[in-house]
PDB file of N, CA and C in Angstrom:
ATOM      1  N   UNK A   1       4.098  11.888  65.436  1.00  0.00           N
ATOM      2  CA  UNK A   1       4.258  12.171  64.033  1.00  0.00           C
ATOM      3  C   UNK A   1       3.264  11.303  63.252  1.00  0.00           C
ATOM      4  N   UNK A   2       2.588  11.884  62.303  1.00  0.00           N
ATOM      5  CA  UNK A   2       1.652  11.145  61.460  1.00  0.00           C
ATOM      6  C   UNK A   2       2.424  10.279  60.459  1.00  0.00           C
ATOM      7  N   UNK A   3       1.732   9.305  59.912  1.00  0.00           N
ATOM      8  CA  UNK A   3       2.393   8.392  58.972  1.00  0.00           C
ATOM      9  C   UNK A   3       2.967   9.168  57.793  1.00  0.00           C
ATOM     10  N   UNK A   4       2.192  10.092  57.261  1.00  0.00           N
ATOM     11  CA  UNK A   4       2.650  10.878  56.104  1.00  0.00           C
ATOM     12  C   UNK A   4       3.927  11.649  56.439  1.00  0.00           C
ATOM     13  N   UNK A   5       3.965  12.218  57.645  1.00  0.00           N
ATOM     14  CA  UNK A   5       5.158  12.948  58.086  1.00  0.00           C
ATOM     15  C   UNK A   5       6.339  11.995  58.283  1.00  0.00           C
ATOM     16  N   UNK A   6       6.064  10.828  58.819  1.00  0.00           N
ATOM     17  CA  UNK A   6       7.109   9.834  59.028  1.00  0.00           C
ATOM     18  C   UNK A   6       7.665   9.364  57.685  1.00  0.00           C
ATOM     19  N   UNK A   7       6.786   9.167  56.711  1.00  0.00           N
ATOM     20  CA  UNK A   7       7.226   8.772  55.372  1.00  0.00           C
ATOM     21  C   UNK A   7       8.157   9.824  54.784  1.00  0.00           C
ATOM     22  N   UNK A   8       7.766  11.083  54.871  1.00  0.00           N
ATOM     23  CA  UNK A   8       8.587  12.163  54.316  1.00  0.00           C
ATOM     24  C   UNK A   8       9.917  12.270  55.062  1.00  0.00           C
ATOM     25  N   UNK A   9       9.875  12.156  56.379  1.00  0.00           N
ATOM     26  CA  UNK A   9      11.084  12.241  57.191  1.00  0.00           C
ATOM     27  C   UNK A   9      12.057  11.115  56.825  1.00  0.00           C
ATOM     28  N   UNK A  10      11.550   9.886  56.738  1.00  0.00           N
ATOM     29  CA  UNK A  10      12.407   8.747  56.418  1.00  0.00           C
ATOM     30  C   UNK A  10      12.949   8.855  54.991  1.00  0.00           C
ATOM     31  N   UNK A  11      12.122   9.311  54.054  1.00  0.00           N
ATOM     32  CA  UNK A  11      12.585   9.486  52.675  1.00  0.00           C
ATOM     33  C   UNK A  11      13.732  10.500  52.625  1.00  0.00           C
ATOM     34  N   UNK A  12      13.610  11.581  53.370  1.00  0.00           N
ATOM     35  CA  UNK A  12      14.658  12.594  53.410  1.00  0.00           C
ATOM     36  C   UNK A  12      15.909  12.058  54.104  1.00  0.00           C
ATOM     37  N   UNK A  13      15.709  11.361  55.211  1.00  0.00           N
ATOM     38  CA  UNK A  13      16.829  10.821  55.979  1.00  0.00           C
ATOM     39  C   UNK A  13      17.650   9.835  55.150  1.00  0.00           C
ATOM     40  N   UNK A  14      16.961   9.021  54.346  1.00  0.00           N
ATOM     41  CA  UNK A  14      17.622   7.967  53.575  1.00  0.00           C
ATOM     42  C   UNK A  14      17.810   8.319  52.102  1.00  0.00           C
ATOM     43  N   UNK A  15      17.652   9.590  51.733  1.00  0.00           N
ATOM     44  CA  UNK A  15      17.607   9.957  50.320  1.00  0.00           C
ATOM     45  C   UNK A  15      18.827   9.497  49.526  1.00  0.00           C
ATOM     46  N   UNK A  16      19.995   9.485  50.127  1.00  0.00           N
ATOM     47  CA  UNK A  16      21.190   9.079  49.392  1.00  0.00           C
ATOM     48  C   UNK A  16      21.551   7.611  49.607  1.00  0.00           C
ATOM     49  N   UNK A  17      20.851   6.945  50.495  1.00  0.00           N
ATOM     50  CA  UNK A  17      21.199   5.551  50.803  1.00  0.00           C
ATOM     51  C   UNK A  17      19.972   4.639  50.821  1.00  0.00           C
ATOM     52  N   UNK A  18      18.918   5.037  50.140  1.00  0.00           N
ATOM     53  CA  UNK A  18      17.719   4.193  50.136  1.00  0.00           C
ATOM     54  C   UNK A  18      17.981   2.925  49.331  1.00  0.00           C
ATOM     55  N   UNK A  19      17.317   1.859  49.752  1.00  0.00           N
ATOM     56  CA  UNK A  19      17.441   0.576  49.062  1.00  0.00           C
ATOM     57  C   UNK A  19      16.736   0.641  47.712  1.00  0.00           C
ATOM     58  N   UNK A  20      17.160  -0.185  46.760  1.00  0.00           N
ATOM     59  CA  UNK A  20      16.299  -0.398  45.594  1.00  0.00           C
ATOM     60  C   UNK A  20      15.040  -1.112  46.087  1.00  0.00           C
ATOM     61  N   UNK A  21      13.984  -1.104  45.312  1.00  0.00           N
ATOM     62  CA  UNK A  21      12.702  -1.673  45.759  1.00  0.00           C
ATOM     63  C   UNK A  21      12.843  -3.092  46.303  1.00  0.00           C
ATOM     64  N   UNK A  22      13.564  -3.953  45.586  1.00  0.00           N
ATOM     65  CA  UNK A  22      13.693  -5.334  46.044  1.00  0.00           C
ATOM     66  C   UNK A  22      14.443  -5.394  47.378  1.00  0.00           C
ATOM     67  N   UNK A  23      15.403  -4.512  47.575  1.00  0.00           N
ATOM     68  CA  UNK A  23      16.131  -4.463  48.838  1.00  0.00           C
ATOM     69  C   UNK A  23      15.228  -4.051  49.984  1.00  0.00           C
ATOM     70  N   UNK A  24      14.294  -3.150  49.709  1.00  0.00           N
ATOM     71  CA  UNK A  24      13.346  -2.730  50.740  1.00  0.00           C
ATOM     72  C   UNK A  24      12.453  -3.900  51.153  1.00  0.00           C
ATOM     73  N   UNK A  25      12.013  -4.683  50.170  1.00  0.00           N
ATOM     74  CA  UNK A  25      11.166  -5.837  50.463  1.00  0.00           C
ATOM     75  C   UNK A  25      11.957  -6.890  51.243  1.00  0.00           C
ATOM     76  N   UNK A  26      13.167  -7.164  50.812  1.00  0.00           N
ATOM     77  CA  UNK A  26      14.005  -8.135  51.522  1.00  0.00           C
ATOM     78  C   UNK A  26      14.334  -7.643  52.933  1.00  0.00           C
ATOM     79  N   UNK A  27      14.509  -6.335  53.085  1.00  0.00           N
ATOM     80  CA  UNK A  27      14.749  -5.770  54.411  1.00  0.00           C
ATOM     81  C   UNK A  27      13.572  -6.024  55.345  1.00  0.00           C
ATOM     82  N   UNK A  28      12.357  -5.901  54.830  1.00  0.00           N
ATOM     83  CA  UNK A  28      11.175  -6.201  55.640  1.00  0.00           C
ATOM     84  C   UNK A  28      11.181  -7.665  56.061  1.00  0.00           C
ATOM     85  N   UNK A  29      11.512  -8.552  55.146  1.00  0.00           N
ATOM     86  CA  UNK A  29      11.562  -9.981  55.491  1.00  0.00           C
ATOM     87  C   UNK A  29      12.568 -10.226  56.613  1.00  0.00           C
ATOM     88  N   UNK A  30      13.706  -9.573  56.544  1.00  0.00           N
ATOM     89  CA  UNK A  30      14.718  -9.708  57.595  1.00  0.00           C
ATOM     90  C   UNK A  30      14.166  -9.226  58.937  1.00  0.00           C
ATOM     91  N   UNK A  31      13.509  -8.080  58.918  1.00  0.00           N
ATOM     92  CA  UNK A  31      12.979  -7.517  60.161  1.00  0.00           C
ATOM     93  C   UNK A  31      11.854  -8.379  60.733  1.00  0.00           C
ATOM     94  N   UNK A  32      11.002  -8.935  59.884  1.00  0.00           N
ATOM     95  CA  UNK A  32       9.935  -9.814  60.363  1.00  0.00           C
ATOM     96  C   UNK A  32      10.546 -11.061  61.005  1.00  0.00           C
ATOM     97  N   UNK A  33      11.634 -11.558  60.444  1.00  0.00           N
ATOM     98  CA  UNK A  33      12.325 -12.691  61.049  1.00  0.00           C
ATOM     99  C   UNK A  33      12.850 -12.355  62.435  1.00  0.00           C
ATOM    100  N   UNK A  34      13.410 -11.165  62.588  1.00  0.00           N
ATOM    101  CA  UNK A  34      13.903 -10.740  63.902  1.00  0.00           C
ATOM    102  C   UNK A  34      12.748 -10.568  64.883  1.00  0.00           C
ATOM    103  N   UNK A  35      11.629 -10.059  64.408  1.00  0.00           N
ATOM    104  CA  UNK A  35      10.440  -9.937  65.255  1.00  0.00           C
ATOM    105  C   UNK A  35       9.954 -11.312  65.693  1.00  0.00           C
ATOM    106  N   UNK A  36       9.911 -12.246  64.750  1.00  0.00           N
ATOM    107  CA  UNK A  36       9.470 -13.608  65.075  1.00  0.00           C
ATOM    108  C   UNK A  36      10.394 -14.234  66.120  1.00  0.00           C
ATOM    109  N   UNK A  37      11.686 -14.020  65.982  1.00  0.00           N
ATOM    110  CA  UNK A  37      12.639 -14.562  66.964  1.00  0.00           C
ATOM    111  C   UNK A  37      12.373 -13.952  68.344  1.00  0.00           C
ATOM    112  N   UNK A  38      12.120 -12.651  68.394  1.00  0.00           N
ATOM    113  CA  UNK A  38      11.842 -11.991  69.665  1.00  0.00           C
ATOM    114  C   UNK A  38      10.568 -12.531  70.294  1.00  0.00           C
ATOM    115  N   UNK A  39       9.526 -12.745  69.486  1.00  0.00           N
ATOM    116  CA  UNK A  39       8.258 -13.280  70.010  1.00  0.00           C
ATOM    117  C   UNK A  39       8.446 -14.726  70.456  1.00  0.00           C
ATOM    118  N   UNK A  40       9.249 -15.493  69.726  1.00  0.00           N
ATOM    119  CA  UNK A  40       9.535 -16.860  70.162  1.00  0.00           C
ATOM    120  C   UNK A  40      10.234 -16.840  71.520  1.00  0.00           C
ATOM    121  N   UNK A  41      11.216 -15.968  71.672  1.00  0.00           N
ATOM    122  CA  UNK A  41      11.900 -15.850  72.968  1.00  0.00           C
ATOM    123  C   UNK A  41      10.911 -15.473  74.067  1.00  0.00           C
ATOM    124  N   UNK A  42       9.983 -14.580  73.760  1.00  0.00           N
ATOM    125  CA  UNK A  42       8.979 -14.124  74.724  1.00  0.00           C
ATOM    126  C   UNK A  42       8.049 -15.266  75.116  1.00  0.00           C
ATOM    127  N   UNK A  43       7.492 -15.928  74.108  1.00  0.00           N
ATOM    128  CA  UNK A  43       6.444 -16.924  74.329  1.00  0.00           C
ATOM    129  C   UNK A  43       6.976 -18.300  74.753  1.00  0.00           C
ATOM    130  N   UNK A  44       8.107 -18.705  74.224  1.00  0.00           N
ATOM    131  CA  UNK A  44       8.612 -20.050  74.470  1.00  0.00           C
ATOM    132  C   UNK A  44       9.627 -20.073  75.618  1.00  0.00           C
ATOM    133  N   UNK A  45      10.526 -19.087  75.642  1.00  0.00           N
ATOM    134  CA  UNK A  45      11.623 -19.110  76.611  1.00  0.00           C
ATOM    135  C   UNK A  45      11.456 -18.119  77.765  1.00  0.00           C
ATOM    136  N   UNK A  46      10.304 -17.448  77.828  1.00  0.00           N
ATOM    137  CA  UNK A  46      10.009 -16.476  78.886  1.00  0.00           C
ATOM    138  C   UNK A  46      11.054 -15.364  78.990  1.00  0.00           C
ATOM    139  N   UNK A  47      11.683 -15.028  77.880  1.00  0.00           N
ATOM    140  CA  UNK A  47      12.615 -13.909  77.813  1.00  0.00           C
ATOM    141  C   UNK A  47      11.824 -12.699  77.329  1.00  0.00           C
ATOM    142  N   UNK A  48      11.197 -12.011  78.273  1.00  0.00           N
ATOM    143  CA  UNK A  48      10.228 -10.960  77.940  1.00  0.00           C
ATOM    144  C   UNK A  48      10.869  -9.592  77.993  1.00  0.00           C
ATOM    145  N   UNK A  49      11.436  -9.195  76.879  1.00  0.00           N
ATOM    146  CA  UNK A  49      12.117  -7.911  76.748  1.00  0.00           C
ATOM    147  C   UNK A  49      11.230  -6.983  75.921  1.00  0.00           C
ATOM    148  N   UNK A  50      10.391  -6.209  76.611  1.00  0.00           N
ATOM    149  CA  UNK A  50       9.430  -5.339  75.923  1.00  0.00           C
ATOM    150  C   UNK A  50      10.129  -4.264  75.104  1.00  0.00           C
ATOM    151  N   UNK A  51      11.269  -3.769  75.586  1.00  0.00           N
ATOM    152  CA  UNK A  51      11.997  -2.750  74.820  1.00  0.00           C
ATOM    153  C   UNK A  51      12.458  -3.321  73.486  1.00  0.00           C
ATOM    154  N   UNK A  52      13.017  -4.524  73.506  1.00  0.00           N
ATOM    155  CA  UNK A  52      13.484  -5.149  72.269  1.00  0.00           C
ATOM    156  C   UNK A  52      12.309  -5.458  71.344  1.00  0.00           C
ATOM    157  N   UNK A  53      11.205  -5.940  71.907  1.00  0.00           N
ATOM    158  CA  UNK A  53      10.019  -6.206  71.093  1.00  0.00           C
ATOM    159  C   UNK A  53       9.545  -4.919  70.414  1.00  0.00           C
ATOM    160  N   UNK A  54       9.529  -3.831  71.154  1.00  0.00           N
ATOM    161  CA  UNK A  54       9.149  -2.538  70.577  1.00  0.00           C
ATOM    162  C   UNK A  54      10.086  -2.110  69.465  1.00  0.00           C
ATOM    163  N   UNK A  55      11.392  -2.329  69.654  1.00  0.00           N
ATOM    164  CA  UNK A  55      12.356  -1.985  68.612  1.00  0.00           C
ATOM    165  C   UNK A  55      12.122  -2.801  67.349  1.00  0.00           C
ATOM    166  N   UNK A  56      11.849  -4.093  67.527  1.00  0.00           N
ATOM    167  CA  UNK A  56      11.620  -4.950  66.359  1.00  0.00           C
ATOM    168  C   UNK A  56      10.335  -4.546  65.628  1.00  0.00           C
ATOM    169  N   UNK A  57       9.297  -4.198  66.385  1.00  0.00           N
ATOM    170  CA  UNK A  57       8.059  -3.721  65.746  1.00  0.00           C
ATOM    171  C   UNK A  57       8.320  -2.428  64.981  1.00  0.00           C
ATOM    172  N   UNK A  58       9.098  -1.532  65.572  1.00  0.00           N
ATOM    173  CA  UNK A  58       9.439  -0.272  64.893  1.00  0.00           C
ATOM    174  C   UNK A  58      10.254  -0.548  63.636  1.00  0.00           C
ATOM    175  N   UNK A  59      11.199  -1.495  63.714  1.00  0.00           N
ATOM    176  CA  UNK A  59      11.970  -1.847  62.516  1.00  0.00           C
ATOM    177  C   UNK A  59      11.050  -2.326  61.394  1.00  0.00           C
ATOM    178  N   UNK A  60      10.066  -3.152  61.730  1.00  0.00           N
ATOM    179  CA  UNK A  60       9.103  -3.622  60.727  1.00  0.00           C
ATOM    180  C   UNK A  60       8.295  -2.463  60.155  1.00  0.00           C
ATOM    181  N   UNK A  61       7.852  -1.566  61.033  1.00  0.00           N
ATOM    182  CA  UNK A  61       7.080  -0.401  60.594  1.00  0.00           C
ATOM    183  C   UNK A  61       7.905   0.472  59.646  1.00  0.00           C
ATOM    184  N   UNK A  62       9.151   0.740  60.010  1.00  0.00           N
ATOM    185  CA  UNK A  62       9.993   1.577  59.151  1.00  0.00           C
ATOM    186  C   UNK A  62      10.333   0.869  57.847  1.00  0.00           C
ATOM    187  N   UNK A  63      10.450  -0.451  57.876  1.00  0.00           N
ATOM    188  CA  UNK A  63      10.664  -1.189  56.631  1.00  0.00           C
ATOM    189  C   UNK A  63       9.439  -1.087  55.712  1.00  0.00           C
ATOM    190  N   UNK A  64       8.240  -1.129  56.300  1.00  0.00           N
ATOM    191  CA  UNK A  64       7.023  -0.929  55.505  1.00  0.00           C
ATOM    192  C   UNK A  64       7.011   0.462  54.870  1.00  0.00           C
ATOM    193  N   UNK A  65       7.421   1.451  55.647  1.00  0.00           N
ATOM    194  CA  UNK A  65       7.488   2.819  55.116  1.00  0.00           C
ATOM    195  C   UNK A  65       8.508   2.887  53.987  1.00  0.00           C
ATOM    196  N   UNK A  66       9.633   2.211  54.143  1.00  0.00           N
ATOM    197  CA  UNK A  66      10.653   2.182  53.098  1.00  0.00           C
ATOM    198  C   UNK A  66      10.078   1.608  51.801  1.00  0.00           C
ATOM    199  N   UNK A  67       9.303   0.540  51.918  1.00  0.00           N
ATOM    200  CA  UNK A  67       8.666  -0.050  50.732  1.00  0.00           C
ATOM    201  C   UNK A  67       7.652   0.921  50.132  1.00  0.00           C
ATOM    202  N   UNK A  68       6.828   1.522  50.977  1.00  0.00           N
ATOM    203  CA  UNK A  68       5.837   2.490  50.480  1.00  0.00           C
ATOM    204  C   UNK A  68       6.533   3.625  49.726  1.00  0.00           C
ATOM    205  N   UNK A  69       7.617   4.122  50.282  1.00  0.00           N
ATOM    206  CA  UNK A  69       8.358   5.193  49.611  1.00  0.00           C
ATOM    207  C   UNK A  69       8.953   4.716  48.288  1.00  0.00           C
ATOM    208  N   UNK A  70       9.467   3.494  48.268  1.00  0.00           N
ATOM    209  CA  UNK A  70      10.068   2.962  47.045  1.00  0.00           C
ATOM    210  C   UNK A  70       9.048   2.864  45.918  1.00  0.00           C
ATOM    211  N   UNK A  71       7.790   2.588  46.276  1.00  0.00           N
ATOM    212  CA  UNK A  71       6.731   2.452  45.277  1.00  0.00           C
ATOM    213  C   UNK A  71       5.827   3.679  45.188  1.00  0.00           C
ATOM    214  N   UNK A  72       6.220   4.742  45.902  1.00  0.00           N
ATOM    215  CA  UNK A  72       5.474   6.012  45.893  1.00  0.00           C
ATOM    216  C   UNK A  72       4.011   5.822  46.304  1.00  0.00           C
ATOM    217  N   UNK A  73       3.818   5.071  47.394  1.00  0.00           N
ATOM    218  CA  UNK A  73       2.497   4.819  47.952  1.00  0.00           C
ATOM    219  C   UNK A  73       2.298   5.735  49.147  1.00  0.00           C
ATOM    220  N   UNK A  74       1.176   6.425  49.186  1.00  0.00           N
ATOM    221  CA  UNK A  74       0.806   7.224  50.354  1.00  0.00           C
ATOM    222  C   UNK A  74       0.248   6.263  51.394  1.00  0.00           C
ATOM    223  N   UNK A  75       1.112   5.854  52.315  1.00  0.00           N
ATOM    224  CA  UNK A  75       0.750   4.819  53.277  1.00  0.00           C
ATOM    225  C   UNK A  75      -0.362   5.273  54.217  1.00  0.00           C
ATOM    226  N   UNK A  76      -0.372   6.528  54.573  1.00  0.00           N
ATOM    227  CA  UNK A  76      -1.434   7.031  55.463  1.00  0.00           C
ATOM    228  C   UNK A  76      -2.798   6.916  54.790  1.00  0.00           C
ATOM    229  N   UNK A  77      -2.882   7.299  53.521  1.00  0.00           N
ATOM    230  CA  UNK A  77      -4.151   7.169  52.792  1.00  0.00           C
ATOM    231  C   UNK A  77      -4.544   5.703  52.636  1.00  0.00           C
ATOM    232  N   UNK A  78      -3.565   4.850  52.333  1.00  0.00           N
ATOM    233  CA  UNK A  78      -3.851   3.422  52.194  1.00  0.00           C
ATOM    234  C   UNK A  78      -4.352   2.838  53.519  1.00  0.00           C
ATOM    235  N   UNK A  79      -3.741   3.248  54.633  1.00  0.00           N
ATOM    236  CA  UNK A  79      -4.174   2.762  55.949  1.00  0.00           C
ATOM    237  C   UNK A  79      -5.585   3.243  56.278  1.00  0.00           C
ATOM    238  N   UNK A  80      -5.873   4.503  55.990  1.00  0.00           N
ATOM    239  CA  UNK A  80      -7.218   5.025  56.255  1.00  0.00           C
ATOM    240  C   UNK A  80      -8.269   4.304  55.427  1.00  0.00           C
ATOM    241  N   UNK A  81      -7.946   4.027  54.177  1.00  0.00           N
ATOM    242  CA  UNK A  81      -8.868   3.291  53.313  1.00  0.00           C
ATOM    243  C   UNK A  81      -9.107   1.886  53.869  1.00  0.00           C
ATOM    244  N   UNK A  82      -8.024   1.221  54.310  1.00  0.00           N
ATOM    245  CA  UNK A  82      -8.147  -0.126  54.866  1.00  0.00           C
ATOM    246  C   UNK A  82      -8.946  -0.101  56.163  1.00  0.00           C
ATOM    247  N   UNK A  83      -8.739   0.913  57.022  1.00  0.00           N
ATOM    248  CA  UNK A  83      -9.517   1.015  58.259  1.00  0.00           C
ATOM    249  C   UNK A  83     -11.001   1.158  57.980  1.00  0.00           C
ATOM    250  N   UNK A  84     -11.347   1.937  56.965  1.00  0.00           N
ATOM    251  CA  UNK A  84     -12.760   2.065  56.584  1.00  0.00           C
ATOM    252  C   UNK A  84     -13.319   0.714  56.145  1.00  0.00           C
ATOM    253  N   UNK A  85     -12.540  -0.030  55.391  1.00  0.00           N
ATOM    254  CA  UNK A  85     -12.967  -1.353  54.932  1.00  0.00           C
ATOM    255  C   UNK A  85     -13.162  -2.301  56.125  1.00  0.00           C
ATOM    256  N   UNK A  86     -12.230  -2.281  57.057  1.00  0.00           N
ATOM    257  CA  UNK A  86     -12.332  -3.143  58.241  1.00  0.00           C
ATOM    258  C   UNK A  86     -13.546  -2.758  59.077  1.00  0.00           C
ATOM    259  N   UNK A  87     -13.773  -1.466  59.219  1.00  0.00           N
ATOM    260  CA  UNK A  87     -14.913  -0.984  60.012  1.00  0.00           C
ATOM    261  C   UNK A  87     -16.223  -1.547  59.471  1.00  0.00           C
ATOM    262  N   UNK A  88     -16.322  -1.670  58.164  1.00  0.00           N
ATOM    263  CA  UNK A  88     -17.537  -2.189  57.551  1.00  0.00           C
ATOM    264  C   UNK A  88     -17.690  -3.707  57.711  1.00  0.00           C
ATOM    265  N   UNK A  89     -16.599  -4.406  57.998  1.00  0.00           N
ATOM    266  CA  UNK A  89     -16.630  -5.865  58.095  1.00  0.00           C
ATOM    267  C   UNK A  89     -16.643  -6.376  59.530  1.00  0.00           C
ATOM    268  N   UNK A  90     -16.263  -5.541  60.490  1.00  0.00           N
ATOM    269  CA  UNK A  90     -15.977  -6.026  61.841  1.00  0.00           C
ATOM    270  C   UNK A  90     -17.193  -6.624  62.544  1.00  0.00           C
ATOM    271  N   UNK A  91     -18.367  -6.091  62.302  1.00  0.00           N
ATOM    272  CA  UNK A  91     -19.533  -6.653  62.990  1.00  0.00           C
ATOM    273  C   UNK A  91     -19.789  -8.090  62.529  1.00  0.00           C
ATOM    274  N   UNK A  92     -19.596  -8.366  61.256  1.00  0.00           N
ATOM    275  CA  UNK A  92     -19.750  -9.729  60.759  1.00  0.00           C
ATOM    276  C   UNK A  92     -18.690 -10.666  61.338  1.00  0.00           C
ATOM    277  N   UNK A  93     -17.481 -10.165  61.459  1.00  0.00           N
ATOM    278  CA  UNK A  93     -16.415 -10.965  62.061  1.00  0.00           C
ATOM    279  C   UNK A  93     -16.744 -11.269  63.518  1.00  0.00           C
ATOM    280  N   UNK A  94     -17.274 -10.249  64.219  1.00  0.00           N
ATOM    281  CA  UNK A  94     -17.624 -10.440  65.626  1.00  0.00           C
ATOM    282  C   UNK A  94     -18.684 -11.506  65.800  1.00  0.00           C
ATOM    283  N   UNK A  95     -19.711 -11.452  64.967  1.00  0.00           N
ATOM    284  CA  UNK A  95     -20.770 -12.458  65.038  1.00  0.00           C
ATOM    285  C   UNK A  95     -20.216 -13.853  64.803  1.00  0.00           C
ATOM    286  N   UNK A  96     -19.273 -13.968  63.896  1.00  0.00           N
ATOM    287  CA  UNK A  96     -18.760 -15.274  63.493  1.00  0.00           C
ATOM    288  C   UNK A  96     -17.641 -15.797  64.404  1.00  0.00           C
ATOM    289  N   UNK A  97     -16.774 -14.892  64.914  1.00  0.00           N
ATOM    290  CA  UNK A  97     -15.549 -15.354  65.551  1.00  0.00           C
ATOM    291  C   UNK A  97     -15.323 -14.898  66.999  1.00  0.00           C
ATOM    292  N   UNK A  98     -16.142 -14.032  67.544  1.00  0.00           N
ATOM    293  CA  UNK A  98     -15.857 -13.438  68.855  1.00  0.00           C
ATOM    294  C   UNK A  98     -15.690 -14.480  69.957  1.00  0.00           C
ATOM    295  N   UNK A  99     -16.602 -15.442  70.048  1.00  0.00           N
ATOM    296  CA  UNK A  99     -16.518 -16.436  71.123  1.00  0.00           C
ATOM    297  C   UNK A  99     -15.284 -17.325  70.978  1.00  0.00           C
ATOM    298  N   UNK A 100     -15.010 -17.767  69.770  1.00  0.00           N
ATOM    299  CA  UNK A 100     -13.843 -18.616  69.534  1.00  0.00           C
ATOM    300  C   UNK A 100     -12.554 -17.872  69.870  1.00  0.00           C
ATOM    301  N   UNK A 101     -12.451 -16.630  69.428  1.00  0.00           N
ATOM    302  CA  UNK A 101     -11.240 -15.858  69.682  1.00  0.00           C
ATOM    303  C   UNK A 101     -11.069 -15.544  71.161  1.00  0.00           C
ATOM    304  N   UNK A 102     -12.171 -15.307  71.861  1.00  0.00           N
ATOM    305  CA  UNK A 102     -12.088 -15.077  73.301  1.00  0.00           C
ATOM    306  C   UNK A 102     -11.467 -16.288  73.988  1.00  0.00           C
ATOM    307  N   UNK A 103     -11.922 -17.477  73.621  1.00  0.00           N
ATOM    308  CA  UNK A 103     -11.377 -18.693  74.196  1.00  0.00           C
ATOM    309  C   UNK A 103      -9.903 -18.875  73.874  1.00  0.00           C
ATOM    310  N   UNK A 104      -9.496 -18.548  72.661  1.00  0.00           N
ATOM    311  CA  UNK A 104      -8.092 -18.665  72.270  1.00  0.00           C
ATOM    312  C   UNK A 104      -7.222 -17.662  73.027  1.00  0.00           C
ATOM    313  N   UNK A 105      -7.716 -16.438  73.207  1.00  0.00           N
ATOM    314  CA  UNK A 105      -6.956 -15.450  73.982  1.00  0.00           C
ATOM    315  C   UNK A 105      -6.774 -15.934  75.419  1.00  0.00           C
ATOM    316  N   UNK A 106      -7.840 -16.496  75.995  1.00  0.00           N
ATOM    317  CA  UNK A 106      -7.739 -17.002  77.366  1.00  0.00           C
ATOM    318  C   UNK A 106      -6.743 -18.148  77.453  1.00  0.00           C
ATOM    319  N   UNK A 107      -6.674 -18.970  76.423  1.00  0.00           N
ATOM    320  CA  UNK A 107      -5.768 -20.116  76.404  1.00  0.00           C
ATOM    321  C   UNK A 107      -4.317 -19.688  76.168  1.00  0.00           C
ATOM    322  N   UNK A 108      -4.115 -18.834  75.181  1.00  0.00           N
ATOM    323  CA  UNK A 108      -2.745 -18.524  74.743  1.00  0.00           C
ATOM    324  C   UNK A 108      -2.155 -17.262  75.353  1.00  0.00           C
ATOM    325  N   UNK A 109      -2.935 -16.291  75.717  1.00  0.00           N
ATOM    326  CA  UNK A 109      -2.414 -14.991  76.143  1.00  0.00           C
ATOM    327  C   UNK A 109      -2.398 -14.832  77.649  1.00  0.00           C
ATOM    328  N   UNK A 110      -1.880 -15.810  78.337  1.00  0.00           N
ATOM    329  CA  UNK A 110      -1.816 -15.766  79.800  1.00  0.00           C
ATOM    330  C   UNK A 110      -0.694 -14.878  80.261  1.00  0.00           C
TER     331      UNK A 110
END
């Protein structure tokens, strides 16, 4: 399902129970906290539950969609615009950071 379709589906699914805008933002904060806890368990305690990590990432994604819907933002268009912006910057980032980031990935992402 495309982002635009997911936005419409979620808006319809939650039409009678959608959060007010501030509730949508606070909901995202809650979900990011749960994601952080899952990553801490993964990285620090070796409790590597990929299914749970995927669920937490999906919760964050759906919370972002909830916020986009609350503010009537076309998230798919915003993402495409941001991808174009990143595409124009990535070569400069690579020149500046590629070697350092490679070393950090080797150190931290074992």
